[in-house]
C-alpha atoms as a PDB file:
ATOM      1  CA  MET A   1     114.784  95.808  82.903  1.00  0.00           C
ATOM      2  CA  ASN A   2     111.846  93.544  84.066  1.00  0.00           C
ATOM      3  CA  MET A   3     111.661  94.465  87.804  1.00  0.00           C
ATOM      4  CA  ALA A   4     108.531  92.300  88.127  1.00  0.00           C
ATOM      5  CA  LYS A   5     109.826  89.940  90.463  1.00  0.00           C
ATOM      6  CA  GLY A   6     111.537  91.972  92.787  1.00  0.00           C
ATOM      7  CA  ALA A   7     115.262  90.856  91.044  1.00  0.00           C
ATOM      8  CA  VAL A   8     116.603  94.369  91.835  1.00  0.00           C
ATOM      9  CA  GLY A   9     119.997  94.045  90.423  1.00  0.00           C
ATOM     10  CA  ARG A  10     123.103  96.606  90.282  1.00  0.00           C
ATOM     11  CA  ARG A  11     122.318  99.453  87.744  1.00  0.00           C
ATOM     12  CA  SER A  12     125.227 101.623  86.123  1.00  0.00           C
ATOM     13  CA  GLY A  13     127.763 103.198  87.876  1.00  0.00           C
ATOM     14  CA  ALA A  14     128.566  99.336  90.111  1.00  0.00           C
ATOM     15  CA  ARG A  15     131.959  98.295  90.245  1.00  0.00           C
ATOM     16  CA  GLY A  16     133.678  95.421  91.634  1.00  0.00           C
ATOM     17  CA  GLY A  17     131.966  91.918  91.644  1.00  0.00           C
ATOM     18  CA  ARG A  18     133.192  89.075  93.280  1.00  0.00           C
ATOM     19  CA  ILE A  19     136.068  89.379  95.744  1.00  0.00           C
ATOM     20  CA  PRO A  20     139.203  87.997  95.743  1.00  0.00           C
ATOM     21  CA  GLY A  21     139.787  85.417  98.505  1.00  0.00           C
ATOM     22  CA  GLY A  22     135.821  84.429  98.440  1.00  0.00           C
ATOM     23  CA  GLY A  23     134.915  86.881 101.547  1.00  0.00           C
ATOM     24  CA  PRO A  24     131.363  87.135 101.594  1.00  0.00           C
ATOM     25  CA  GLU A  25     131.807  82.382 101.593  1.00  0.00           C
ATOM     26  CA  LEU A  26     134.651  82.873 104.243  1.00  0.00           C
ATOM     27  CA  LEU A  27     131.154  85.733 106.167  1.00  0.00           C
ATOM     28  CA  ARG A  28     129.002  82.775 105.561  1.00  0.00           C
ATOM     29  CA  GLN A  29     130.650  80.768 106.962  1.00  0.00           C
ATOM     30  CA  GLY A  30     131.920  82.404 110.224  1.00  0.00           C
ATOM     31  CA  GLN A  31     135.383  82.648 109.260  1.00  0.00           C
ATOM     32  CA  ILE A  32     134.864  86.726 109.803  1.00  0.00           C
ATOM     33  CA  GLU A  33     138.168  87.980 110.884  1.00  0.00           C
ATOM     34  CA  ASP A  34     139.294  86.225 106.968  1.00  0.00           C
ATOM     35  CA  ALA A  35     136.509  87.835 105.636  1.00  0.00           C
ATOM     36  CA  GLN A  36     138.194  91.354 107.379  1.00  0.00           C
ATOM     37  CA  ASP A  37     141.698  90.114 105.571  1.00  0.00           C
ATOM     38  CA  ALA A  38     140.387  89.933 101.945  1.00  0.00           C
ATOM     39  CA  VAL A  39     138.059  92.536 101.902  1.00  0.00           C
ATOM     40  CA  LYS A  40     140.890  94.443 102.988  1.00  0.00           C
ATOM     41  CA  GLN A  41     142.928  93.256 100.167  1.00  0.00           C
ATOM     42  CA  VAL A  42     140.381  94.230  97.733  1.00  0.00           C
ATOM     43  CA  LEU A  43     140.182  97.936  99.153  1.00  0.00           C
ATOM     44  CA  LYS A  44     143.604  98.143  98.547  1.00  0.00           C
ATOM     45  CA  LEU A  45     143.408  97.616  94.568  1.00  0.00           C
ATOM     46  CA  ASP A  46     139.727  99.301  94.820  1.00  0.00           C
ATOM     47  CA  ALA A  47     139.141 101.359  96.704  1.00  0.00           C
ATOM     48  CA  ARG A  48     135.911 102.406  94.820  1.00  0.00           C
ATOM     49  CA  SER A  49     134.513  98.372  94.828  1.00  0.00           C
ATOM     50  CA  VAL A  50     131.010  98.080  95.474  1.00  0.00           C
ATOM     51  CA  ALA A  51     131.112  94.413  96.318  1.00  0.00           C
ATOM     52  CA  ALA A  52     133.601  95.498  99.121  1.00  0.00           C
ATOM     53  CA  GLN A  53     131.838  98.198 100.730  1.00  0.00           C
ATOM     54  CA  LEU A  54     128.706  96.251 101.114  1.00  0.00           C
ATOM     55  CA  LEU A  55     131.362  93.316 102.074  1.00  0.00           C
ATOM     56  CA  GLN A  56     131.972  95.928 104.872  1.00  0.00           C
ATOM     57  CA  SER A  57     128.921  97.010 106.215  1.00  0.00           C
ATOM     58  CA  ARG A  58     127.419  92.818 106.441  1.00  0.00           C
ATOM     59  CA  LEU A  59     130.948  92.216 108.486  1.00  0.00           C
ATOM     60  CA  TYR A  60     130.009  95.044 110.654  1.00  0.00           C
ATOM     61  CA  THR A  61     126.450  93.615 111.671  1.00  0.00           C
ATOM     62  CA  ALA A  62     127.441  90.054 111.704  1.00  0.00           C
ATOM     63  CA  LYS A  63     129.134  91.436 114.673  1.00  0.00           C
ATOM     64  CA  GLY A  64     126.528  93.944 116.659  1.00  0.00           C
ATOM     65  CA  GLU A  65     128.471  97.666 114.879  1.00  0.00           C
ATOM     66  CA  LYS A  66     125.451  99.160 113.878  1.00  0.00           C
ATOM     67  CA  LYS A  67     126.304 102.197 112.945  1.00  0.00           C
ATOM     68  CA  PRO A  68     129.918 101.337 110.579  1.00  0.00           C
ATOM     69  CA  ALA A  69     126.974  99.078 108.764  1.00  0.00           C
ATOM     70  CA  VAL A  70     125.952 101.728 107.791  1.00  0.00           C
ATOM     71  CA  ASP A  71     129.055 104.635 106.522  1.00  0.00           C
ATOM     72  CA  PHE A  72     129.991 101.147 104.802  1.00  0.00           C
ATOM     73  CA  ALA A  73     126.470 101.150 102.893  1.00  0.00           C
ATOM     74  CA  GLN A  74     126.544 104.430 102.868  1.00  0.00           C
ATOM     75  CA  GLN A  75     130.203 104.706 100.768  1.00  0.00           C
ATOM     76  CA  ALA A  76     128.947 102.159  98.556  1.00  0.00           C
ATOM     77  CA  VAL A  77     125.409 104.511  97.296  1.00  0.00           C
ATOM     78  CA  VAL A  78     127.694 107.119  97.165  1.00  0.00           C
ATOM     79  CA  LEU A  79     129.884 104.980  94.418  1.00  0.00           C
ATOM     80  CA  ALA A  80     126.611 103.432  92.706  1.00  0.00           C
ATOM     81  CA  PRO A  81     123.722 105.626  93.290  1.00  0.00           C
ATOM     82  CA  ARG A  82     121.857 104.366  90.980  1.00  0.00           C
ATOM     83  CA  ASP A  83     122.843 100.709  92.536  1.00  0.00           C
ATOM     84  CA  SER A  84     119.994  99.326  94.058  1.00  0.00           C
ATOM     85  CA  GLU A  85     120.825  96.056  95.868  1.00  0.00           C
ATOM     86  CA  ALA A  86     123.577  99.077  97.414  1.00  0.00           C
ATOM     87  CA  ARG A  87     121.051 101.217  98.573  1.00  0.00           C
ATOM     88  CA  LEU A  88     118.382  98.016  99.420  1.00  0.00           C
ATOM     89  CA  SER A  89     121.335  97.166 102.030  1.00  0.00           C
ATOM     90  CA  LEU A  90     121.777 101.316 103.430  1.00  0.00           C
ATOM     91  CA  ILE A  91     118.143 100.891 103.865  1.00  0.00           C
ATOM     92  CA  ARG A  92     118.224  98.050 106.550  1.00  0.00           C
ATOM     93  CA  ALA A  93     121.085  99.554 107.756  1.00  0.00           C
ATOM     94  CA  VAL A  94     119.765 102.626 108.281  1.00  0.00           C
ATOM     95  CA  LEU A  95     116.773 101.421 109.632  1.00  0.00           C
ATOM     96  CA  ALA A  96     118.833  98.905 111.990  1.00  0.00           C
ATOM     97  CA  ASN A  97     120.225 101.182 113.216  1.00  0.00           C
ATOM     98  CA  GLY A  98     116.632 103.169 114.781  1.00  0.00           C
ATOM     99  CA  ASP A  99     117.231 106.029 111.661  1.00  0.00           C
ATOM    100  CA  THR A 100     113.349 105.556 110.084  1.00  0.00           C
ATOM    101  CA  PRO A 101     112.793 109.049 109.253  1.00  0.00           C
ATOM    102  CA  ARG A 102     115.892 108.263 106.999  1.00  0.00           C
ATOM    103  CA  ALA A 103     114.983 104.614 105.916  1.00  0.00           C
ATOM    104  CA  GLU A 104     111.937 106.422 105.026  1.00  0.00           C
ATOM    105  CA  LYS A 105     113.155 108.746 102.640  1.00  0.00           C
ATOM    106  CA  GLU A 106     115.443 106.442 101.369  1.00  0.00           C
ATOM    107  CA  ILE A 107     112.849 103.774 100.446  1.00  0.00           C
ATOM    108  CA  ARG A 108     110.493 106.388  98.940  1.00  0.00           C
ATOM    109  CA  ALA A 109     113.341 106.830  96.225  1.00  0.00           C
ATOM    110  CA  LEU A 110     113.316 103.560  95.558  1.00  0.00           C
ATOM    111  CA  LEU A 111     110.156 103.007  95.002  1.00  0.00           C
ATOM    112  CA  LEU A 112     109.623 105.730  92.084  1.00  0.00           C
ATOM    113  CA  GLU A 113     112.605 104.252  90.408  1.00  0.00           C
ATOM    114  CA  PHE A 114     111.377 100.906  90.742  1.00  0.00           C
ATOM    115  CA  PRO A 115     107.252 100.555  92.159  1.00  0.00           C
ATOM    116  CA  ASN A 116     107.034  96.811  89.943  1.00  0.00           C
ATOM    117  CA  SER A 117     110.122  95.692  92.918  1.00  0.00           C
ATOM    118  CA  SER A 118     108.501  92.775  95.296  1.00  0.00           C
ATOM    119  CA  VAL A 119     111.606  92.967  97.286  1.00  0.00           C
ATOM    120  CA  VAL A 120     111.323  97.268  97.390  1.00  0.00           C
ATOM    121  CA  ASN A 121     107.939  96.857  98.583  1.00  0.00           C
ATOM    122  CA  ALA A 122     107.935  94.637 100.917  1.00  0.00           C
ATOM    123  CA  GLN A 123     111.439  96.551 102.678  1.00  0.00           C
ATOM    124  CA  ALA A 124     108.767  99.187 101.904  1.00  0.00           C
ATOM    125  CA  GLY A 125     105.857  97.441 104.279  1.00  0.00           C
ATOM    126  CA  ALA A 126     108.134  96.458 106.645  1.00  0.00           C
ATOM    127  CA  LEU A 127     109.778 100.390 107.595  1.00  0.00           C
ATOM    128  CA  PHE A 128     106.037 101.803 107.337  1.00  0.00           C
ATOM    129  CA  LEU A 129     105.215  98.751 110.110  1.00  0.00           C
ATOM    130  CA  ALA A 130     108.026 100.355 111.961  1.00  0.00           C
ATOM    131  CA  ARG A 131     106.784 103.141 111.608  1.00  0.00           C
ATOM    132  CA  HIS A 132     103.009 101.981 112.398  1.00  0.00           C
ATOM    133  CA  ASP A 133     101.191 103.430 109.305  1.00  0.00           C
ATOM    134  CA  LEU A 134      99.688 100.498 109.057  1.00  0.00           C
ATOM    135  CA  GLY A 135      98.050 101.024 106.265  1.00  0.00           C
ATOM    136  CA  ALA A 136     100.386 102.010 104.175  1.00  0.00           C
ATOM    137  CA  ALA A 137     102.111  98.693 105.480  1.00  0.00           C
ATOM    138  CA  ARG A 138      98.895  96.510 104.481  1.00  0.00           C
ATOM    139  CA  THR A 139      99.283  98.331 100.843  1.00  0.00           C
ATOM    140  CA  ALA A 140     102.950  97.804 100.177  1.00  0.00           C
ATOM    141  CA  PHE A 141     103.108  94.374 101.217  1.00  0.00           C
ATOM    142  CA  ALA A 142      99.289  93.190  99.533  1.00  0.00           C
ATOM    143  CA  ARG A 143     101.495  94.815  96.178  1.00  0.00           C
ATOM    144  CA  ALA A 144     104.696  92.029  97.439  1.00  0.00           C
ATOM    145  CA  LEU A 145     102.055  89.929  96.828  1.00  0.00           C
ATOM    146  CA  GLU A 146     100.696  91.051  93.540  1.00  0.00           C
ATOM    147  CA  LEU A 147     104.051  91.088  92.036  1.00  0.00           C
ATOM    148  CA  ASP A 148     105.387  87.395  93.772  1.00  0.00           C
ATOM    149  CA  ALA A 149     103.053  84.866  95.103  1.00  0.00           C
ATOM    150  CA  ALA A 150     105.912  83.673  96.854  1.00  0.00           C
ATOM    151  CA  SER A 151     106.929  86.559  98.890  1.00  0.00           C
ATOM    152  CA  ALA A 152     107.367  85.458 101.723  1.00  0.00           C
ATOM    153  CA  ASP A 153     107.944  88.834 103.533  1.00  0.00           C
ATOM    154  CA  GLY A 154     105.237  90.212 101.857  1.00  0.00           C
ATOM    155  CA  LEU A 155     103.118  86.983 103.433  1.00  0.00           C
ATOM    156  CA  ALA A 156     104.634  87.228 106.818  1.00  0.00           C
ATOM    157  CA  GLY A 157     103.310  91.157 106.877  1.00  0.00           C
ATOM    158  CA  LEU A 158     100.494  90.881 105.759  1.00  0.00           C
ATOM    159  CA  VAL A 159     100.029  88.063 108.526  1.00  0.00           C
ATOM    160  CA  THR A 160     101.618  89.833 111.101  1.00  0.00           C
ATOM    161  CA  LEU A 161      99.149  93.041 110.247  1.00  0.00           C
ATOM    162  CA  ASP A 162      95.561  90.772 109.732  1.00  0.00           C
ATOM    163  CA  LEU A 163      97.098  89.366 113.790  1.00  0.00           C
ATOM    164  CA  GLY A 164      97.838  92.864 115.356  1.00  0.00           C
ATOM    165  CA  ALA A 165      94.203  93.241 114.079  1.00  0.00           C
ATOM    166  CA  LYS A 166      92.935  90.144 115.940  1.00  0.00           C
ATOM    167  CA  ASP A 167      91.671  88.932 112.989  1.00  0.00           C
ATOM    168  CA  SER A 168      93.506  85.070 113.058  1.00  0.00           C
ATOM    169  CA  ALA A 169      90.759  83.713 111.026  1.00  0.00           C
ATOM    170  CA  ALA A 170      92.625  85.532 108.247  1.00  0.00           C
ATOM    171  CA  ALA A 171      95.746  85.399 108.682  1.00  0.00           C
ATOM    172  CA  LEU A 172      95.394  81.548 109.238  1.00  0.00           C
ATOM    173  CA  ARG A 173      93.798  80.964 105.417  1.00  0.00           C
ATOM    174  CA  ARG A 174      96.708  83.441 104.084  1.00  0.00           C
ATOM    175  CA  VAL A 175      99.601  80.414 105.433  1.00  0.00           C
ATOM    176  CA  GLU A 176      97.521  77.430 105.215  1.00  0.00           C
ATOM    177  CA  ALA A 177      96.685  79.107 101.326  1.00  0.00           C
ATOM    178  CA  ARG A 178     100.889  79.206 100.820  1.00  0.00           C
ATOM    179  CA  LEU A 179     101.548  75.537 102.324  1.00  0.00           C
ATOM    180  CA  ALA A 180      98.454  74.340  99.447  1.00  0.00           C
ATOM    181  CA  ALA A 181     100.112  76.337  97.269  1.00  0.00           C
ATOM    182  CA  ALA A 182     104.293  75.058  97.920  1.00  0.00           C
ATOM    183  CA  PRO A 183     104.590  72.665 100.270  1.00  0.00           C
ATOM    184  CA  ALA A 184     108.119  72.811 100.595  1.00  0.00           C
ATOM    185  CA  ASP A 185     108.358  75.849 101.261  1.00  0.00           C
ATOM    186  CA  GLY A 186     110.141  76.197 104.866  1.00  0.00           C
ATOM    187  CA  ARG A 187     109.415  79.226 105.446  1.00  0.00           C
ATOM    188  CA  ALA A 188     105.822  79.120 104.973  1.00  0.00           C
ATOM    189  CA  TRP A 189     106.147  76.628 107.506  1.00  0.00           C
ATOM    190  CA  PHE A 190     107.513  78.936 110.384  1.00  0.00           C
ATOM    191  CA  LEU A 191     105.378  81.515 109.203  1.00  0.00           C
ATOM    192  CA  ALA A 192     102.434  79.116 110.130  1.00  0.00           C
ATOM    193  CA  ALA A 193     104.029  77.630 113.144  1.00  0.00           C
ATOM    194  CA  ARG A 194     104.481  81.252 114.460  1.00  0.00           C
ATOM    195  CA  THR A 195     100.255  81.315 113.095  1.00  0.00           C
ATOM    196  CA  TYR A 196      99.665  78.227 115.297  1.00  0.00           C
ATOM    197  CA  ALA A 197     101.596  79.888 118.619  1.00  0.00           C
ATOM    198  CA  VAL A 198      99.784  82.661 118.782  1.00  0.00           C
ATOM    199  CA  VAL A 199      96.157  81.022 117.725  1.00  0.00           C
ATOM    200  CA  GLY A 200      96.639  79.145 120.233  1.00  0.00           C
ATOM    201  CA  ASP A 201      96.765  75.866 118.388  1.00  0.00           C
ATOM    202  CA  ALA A 202      99.807  73.920 119.948  1.00  0.00           C
ATOM    203  CA  ALA A 203      98.801  70.589 118.039  1.00  0.00           C
ATOM    204  CA  HIS A 204      99.454  72.332 114.846  1.00  0.00           C
ATOM    205  CA  THR A 205     102.766  74.570 115.944  1.00  0.00           C
ATOM    206  CA  GLU A 206     104.109  71.344 116.915  1.00  0.00           C
ATOM    207  CA  ARG A 207     103.599  69.610 113.605  1.00  0.00           C
ATOM    208  CA  ALA A 208     104.350  72.914 111.477  1.00  0.00           C
ATOM    209  CA  LEU A 209     107.588  73.539 113.696  1.00  0.00           C
ATOM    210  CA  LEU A 210     108.620  69.712 112.756  1.00  0.00           C
ATOM    211  CA  LYS A 211     108.161  70.407 108.908  1.00  0.00           C
ATOM    212  CA  THR A 212     109.642  73.334 108.736  1.00  0.00           C
ATOM    213  CA  LEU A 213     112.484  71.951 110.888  1.00  0.00           C
ATOM    214  CA  GLU A 214     112.654  69.000 107.822  1.00  0.00           C
ATOM    215  CA  LEU A 215     112.916  71.497 105.445  1.00  0.00           C
ATOM    216  CA  ASP A 216     115.154  74.062 106.717  1.00  0.00           C
ATOM    217  CA  PRO A 217     117.269  72.704 109.553  1.00  0.00           C
ATOM    218  CA  ALA A 218     119.267  76.034 109.197  1.00  0.00           C
ATOM    219  CA  ASN A 219     116.882  77.288 110.838  1.00  0.00           C
ATOM    220  CA  VAL A 220     116.800  78.659 114.397  1.00  0.00           C
ATOM    221  CA  ARG A 221     113.879  80.145 115.781  1.00  0.00           C
ATOM    222  CA  ALA A 222     111.942  77.424 114.791  1.00  0.00           C
ATOM    223  CA  PHE A 223     114.956  74.987 116.797  1.00  0.00           C
ATOM    224  CA  ALA A 224     114.186  77.268 119.586  1.00  0.00           C
ATOM    225  CA  MET A 225     110.822  77.176 119.230  1.00  0.00           C
ATOM    226  CA  VAL A 226     110.738  73.540 119.656  1.00  0.00           C
ATOM    227  CA  GLY A 227     112.693  72.996 122.494  1.00  0.00           C
ATOM    228  CA  ASP A 228     110.355  75.825 124.234  1.00  0.00           C
ATOM    229  CA  LEU A 229     107.255  74.023 123.077  1.00  0.00           C
ATOM    230  CA  TYR A 230     109.104  70.532 124.494  1.00  0.00           C
ATOM    231  CA  GLY A 231     109.885  72.215 127.661  1.00  0.00           C
ATOM    232  CA  ILE A 232     105.868  73.320 128.565  1.00  0.00           C
ATOM    233  CA  LYS A 233     104.462  70.520 127.863  1.00  0.00           C
ATOM    234  CA  GLY A 234     107.299  69.427 130.672  1.00  0.00           C
ATOM    235  CA  ASP A 235     107.997  65.902 127.982  1.00  0.00           C
ATOM    236  CA  LEU A 236     111.156  66.658 127.647  1.00  0.00           C
ATOM    237  CA  ALA A 237     112.912  62.610 128.358  1.00  0.00           C
ATOM    238  CA  ARG A 238     109.623  61.482 125.830  1.00  0.00           C
ATOM    239  CA  ALA A 239     110.540  63.785 123.390  1.00  0.00           C
ATOM    240  CA  VAL A 240     114.218  62.411 123.140  1.00  0.00           C
ATOM    241  CA  THR A 241     112.582  58.751 122.671  1.00  0.00           C
ATOM    242  CA  GLN A 242     111.267  60.077 119.786  1.00  0.00           C
ATOM    243  CA  PHE A 243     114.074  62.039 118.203  1.00  0.00           C
ATOM    244  CA  GLN A 244     116.693  59.771 119.104  1.00  0.00           C
ATOM    245  CA  ALA A 245     114.135  56.903 116.872  1.00  0.00           C
ATOM    246  CA  TRP A 246     114.007  60.071 114.233  1.00  0.00           C
ATOM    247  CA  ALA A 247     117.801  60.274 114.446  1.00  0.00           C
ATOM    248  CA  ALA A 248     117.969  56.323 113.864  1.00  0.00           C
ATOM    249  CA  ARG A 249     115.955  56.418 111.040  1.00  0.00           C
ATOM    250  CA  GLU A 250     117.156  59.591 109.363  1.00  0.00           C
ATOM    251  CA  PRO A 251     120.876  58.998 110.226  1.00  0.00           C
ATOM    252  CA  ARG A 252     122.194  62.262 108.353  1.00  0.00           C
ATOM    253  CA  SER A 253     119.053  64.203 109.109  1.00  0.00           C
ATOM    254  CA  VAL A 254     121.231  67.290 110.636  1.00  0.00           C
ATOM    255  CA  ALA A 255     117.551  68.632 112.596  1.00  0.00           C
ATOM    256  CA  ALA A 256     116.722  65.443 114.224  1.00  0.00           C
ATOM    257  CA  HIS A 257     120.399  65.013 115.389  1.00  0.00           C
ATOM    258  CA  THR A 258     120.339  68.789 116.586  1.00  0.00           C
ATOM    259  CA  MET A 259     116.777  68.298 118.807  1.00  0.00           C
ATOM    260  CA  VAL A 260     118.558  65.473 120.247  1.00  0.00           C
ATOM    261  CA  ALA A 261     121.384  68.069 120.945  1.00  0.00           C
ATOM    262  CA  LEU A 262     118.922  70.353 122.703  1.00  0.00           C
ATOM    263  CA  LEU A 263     116.090  68.398 124.405  1.00  0.00           C
ATOM    264  CA  LEU A 264     119.781  66.538 126.169  1.00  0.00           C
ATOM    265  CA  GLU A 265     121.198  69.943 127.423  1.00  0.00           C
ATOM    266  CA  ARG A 266     117.934  71.100 128.547  1.00  0.00           C
ATOM    267  CA  LEU A 267     116.968  68.204 130.421  1.00  0.00           C
ATOM    268  CA  ASN A 268     121.252  69.381 131.878  1.00  0.00           C
ATOM    269  CA  ARG A 269     122.603  66.029 130.406  1.00  0.00           C
ATOM    270  CA  LEU A 270     125.672  67.840 129.299  1.00  0.00           C
ATOM    271  CA  ASP A 271     127.801  65.496 128.648  1.00  0.00           C
ATOM    272  CA  GLU A 272     125.727  63.556 126.284  1.00  0.00           C
ATOM    273  CA  ALA A 273     124.173  67.033 124.976  1.00  0.00           C
ATOM    274  CA  LYS A 274     128.099  68.026 123.960  1.00  0.00           C
ATOM    275  CA  SER A 275     128.873  64.915 121.932  1.00  0.00           C
ATOM    276  CA  ALA A 276     125.504  64.849 119.999  1.00  0.00           C
ATOM    277  CA  TYR A 277     125.773  68.156 118.545  1.00  0.00           C
ATOM    278  CA  GLU A 278     129.420  67.384 117.903  1.00  0.00           C
ATOM    279  CA  ARG A 279     127.686  64.786 115.594  1.00  0.00           C
ATOM    280  CA  VAL A 280     125.792  67.501 114.009  1.00  0.00           C
ATOM    281  CA  LEU A 281     128.813  69.417 113.296  1.00  0.00           C
ATOM    282  CA  ASP A 282     130.004  66.825 111.828  1.00  0.00           C
ATOM    283  CA  LEU A 283     126.925  66.268 109.309  1.00  0.00           C
ATOM    284  CA  ASN A 284     126.966  70.124 108.999  1.00  0.00           C
ATOM    285  CA  PRO A 285     129.861  72.112 109.983  1.00  0.00           C
ATOM    286  CA  ARG A 286     128.032  75.534 109.910  1.00  0.00           C
ATOM    287  CA  ALA A 287     125.143  74.356 112.077  1.00  0.00           C
ATOM    288  CA  ALA A 288     124.575  77.473 113.984  1.00  0.00           C
ATOM    289  CA  VAL A 289     122.968  75.960 116.843  1.00  0.00           C
ATOM    290  CA  ALA A 290     124.809  73.092 117.230  1.00  0.00           C
ATOM    291  CA  ALA A 291     128.189  75.997 117.150  1.00  0.00           C
ATOM    292  CA  ASN A 292     126.722  78.884 119.818  1.00  0.00           C
ATOM    293  CA  ASN A 293     125.711  75.672 122.127  1.00  0.00           C
ATOM    294  CA  LEU A 294     128.784  73.621 122.158  1.00  0.00           C
ATOM    295  CA  ALA A 295     131.006  76.957 122.540  1.00  0.00           C
ATOM    296  CA  TRP A 296     128.505  76.963 125.383  1.00  0.00           C
ATOM    297  CA  ILE A 297     128.930  74.683 127.151  1.00  0.00           C
ATOM    298  CA  THR A 298     132.565  74.193 126.344  1.00  0.00           C
ATOM    299  CA  THR A 299     132.771  77.652 127.875  1.00  0.00           C
ATOM    300  CA  GLU A 300     130.554  77.054 130.975  1.00  0.00           C
ATOM    301  CA  GLN A 301     133.700  73.507 131.275  1.00  0.00           C
ATOM    302  CA  GLY A 302     136.761  75.822 131.608  1.00  0.00           C
ATOM    303  CA  GLY A 303     136.969  73.431 127.784  1.00  0.00           C
ATOM    304  CA  ASN A 304     139.003  75.209 124.878  1.00  0.00           C
ATOM    305  CA  LEU A 305     138.714  78.938 124.286  1.00  0.00           C
ATOM    306  CA  ASP A 306     139.721  80.024 121.328  1.00  0.00           C
ATOM    307  CA  GLN A 307     138.017  76.714 119.889  1.00  0.00           C
ATOM    308  CA  ALA A 308     134.430  77.971 121.823  1.00  0.00           C
ATOM    309  CA  THR A 309     134.659  81.473 120.085  1.00  0.00           C
ATOM    310  CA  ASP A 310     135.284  80.094 116.954  1.00  0.00           C
ATOM    311  CA  LEU A 311     132.286  78.489 117.417  1.00  0.00           C
ATOM    312  CA  ALA A 312     130.191  80.911 118.627  1.00  0.00           C
ATOM    313  CA  GLN A 313     131.965  83.712 115.734  1.00  0.00           C
ATOM    314  CA  MET A 314     130.899  81.416 113.022  1.00  0.00           C
ATOM    315  CA  ALA A 315     127.415  80.688 114.380  1.00  0.00           C
ATOM    316  CA  LYS A 316     126.474  85.137 114.705  1.00  0.00           C
ATOM    317  CA  SER A 317     127.730  85.247 110.971  1.00  0.00           C
ATOM    318  CA  GLN A 318     124.752  82.335 110.339  1.00  0.00           C
ATOM    319  CA  ALA A 319     122.276  85.018 112.614  1.00  0.00           C
ATOM    320  CA  PRO A 320     123.631  87.722 113.455  1.00  0.00           C
ATOM    321  CA  ASP A 321     120.375  89.296 115.196  1.00  0.00           C
ATOM    322  CA  GLN A 322     120.202  85.975 117.094  1.00  0.00           C
ATOM    323  CA  PRO A 323     120.033  87.285 120.825  1.00  0.00           C
ATOM    324  CA  SER A 324     121.619  83.950 122.220  1.00  0.00           C
ATOM    325  CA  PHE A 325     124.544  83.859 119.501  1.00  0.00           C
ATOM    326  CA  ASN A 326     125.524  87.531 120.567  1.00  0.00           C
ATOM    327  CA  ASP A 327     125.555  86.572 124.221  1.00  0.00           C
ATOM    328  CA  THR A 328     127.779  83.674 124.053  1.00  0.00           C
ATOM    329  CA  LEU A 329     129.798  85.021 121.472  1.00  0.00           C
ATOM    330  CA  GLY A 330     130.187  87.718 124.328  1.00  0.00           C
ATOM    331  CA  TRP A 331     130.762  85.253 127.276  1.00  0.00           C
ATOM    332  CA  ASN A 332     133.286  83.806 125.420  1.00  0.00           C
ATOM    333  CA  TYR A 333     134.950  87.366 124.489  1.00  0.00           C
ATOM    334  CA  TYR A 334     134.683  88.097 128.239  1.00  0.00           C
ATOM    335  CA  LYS A 335     136.852  84.829 128.915  1.00  0.00           C
ATOM    336  CA  LYS A 336     139.642  85.896 126.946  1.00  0.00           C
ATOM    337  CA  ASN A 337     139.489  89.302 128.448  1.00  0.00           C
ATOM    338  CA  LEU A 338     138.591  90.963 125.200  1.00  0.00           C
ATOM    339  CA  ALA A 339     136.767  93.482 127.127  1.00  0.00           C
ATOM    340  CA  GLN A 340     136.184  95.638 124.180  1.00  0.00           C
ATOM    341  CA  GLU A 341     135.138  92.873 122.077  1.00  0.00           C
ATOM    342  CA  SER A 342     132.199  91.338 124.655  1.00  0.00           C
ATOM    343  CA  VAL A 343     131.478  94.366 125.811  1.00  0.00           C
ATOM    344  CA  PRO A 344     128.601  95.853 123.075  1.00  0.00           C
ATOM    345  CA  LEU A 345     127.707  92.354 122.139  1.00  0.00           C
ATOM    346  CA  PHE A 346     126.370  92.676 125.981  1.00  0.00           C
ATOM    347  CA  ARG A 347     124.469  95.686 125.602  1.00  0.00           C
ATOM    348  CA  GLN A 348     123.128  94.602 122.119  1.00  0.00           C
ATOM    349  CA  PHE A 349     121.704  91.796 123.822  1.00  0.00           C
ATOM    350  CA  PRO A 350     121.667  91.412 127.232  1.00  0.00           C
ATOM    351  CA  ARG A 351     120.380  87.440 127.962  1.00  0.00           C
ATOM    352  CA  LYS A 352     121.139  84.108 127.645  1.00  0.00           C
ATOM    353  CA  GLY A 353     119.345  80.627 126.272  1.00  0.00           C
ATOM    354  CA  SER A 354     120.663  78.290 124.044  1.00  0.00           C
ATOM    355  CA  GLY A 355     119.505  77.421 120.320  1.00  0.00           C
END
């Protein structure tokens, strides 16, 4: 098997590929309960389905429940110990649960088996970085990029290390070289935006963020950064006019309409913002920022809690680790007197904030 590009695939012992009922697609669309039902049906027929165990792990991750996410990933590894996808899922779940010693043990074993996998090396770099072993992290991230020049995780890891070492020139050289090589790489543009922000270059930060949104209108963090940037500059009203002009030029641009809605919300023009978010969802029913913020406004205005909760669940499924999304969903559960569901979300990310 050629692992040079890091496409770690299934090894012998894996069972159960596709899940009847479209479980992964249901999860991607934010239909968590329906996805859960699809998995349960599969497990009734085949309790040893690796695909179902991994989807269960993803479902619990989406709900912010870290221990069950680890347990189901572990079951997948027990069923298919040579399935690299299952083992990577376990490592990510274990690391998210804070058990770095176990994660390191697992990643070192995987590195021995797949030394030429860019994905595995990048994951190793992330783990070593979490353990503050900066030398090992740099080696692993560099190896990931050597194996796959398009490795976003490898590049981001090295840029993080450069910035941590106060070598902003090296960080900028890395991101700008990637942009020159792949000008349509939305992840690279977002990394560039974050790098420019760290070094205090507001003009290039704004340019990189707008390019990110043009290429990747589903990037939740980019929208948040743009909103913060305009808030700091204190020219929200002018920014609304600019983005309204963009939306008029490109009426099907999710990014343009989302920015209009975000800025209107920041100006407390909530009815206009609500209409703008609805327009975004007409264009893309899975637009996470629009769904989350519309859910928040609907709840705060005393609107339909069931509809707001559906929107919040969908948004969270798109970005399970986004603090404001967890907060919105938790607040909706609280409003519906579902304390058991709301408390874990508030404990995980106790804050409120839009997109």
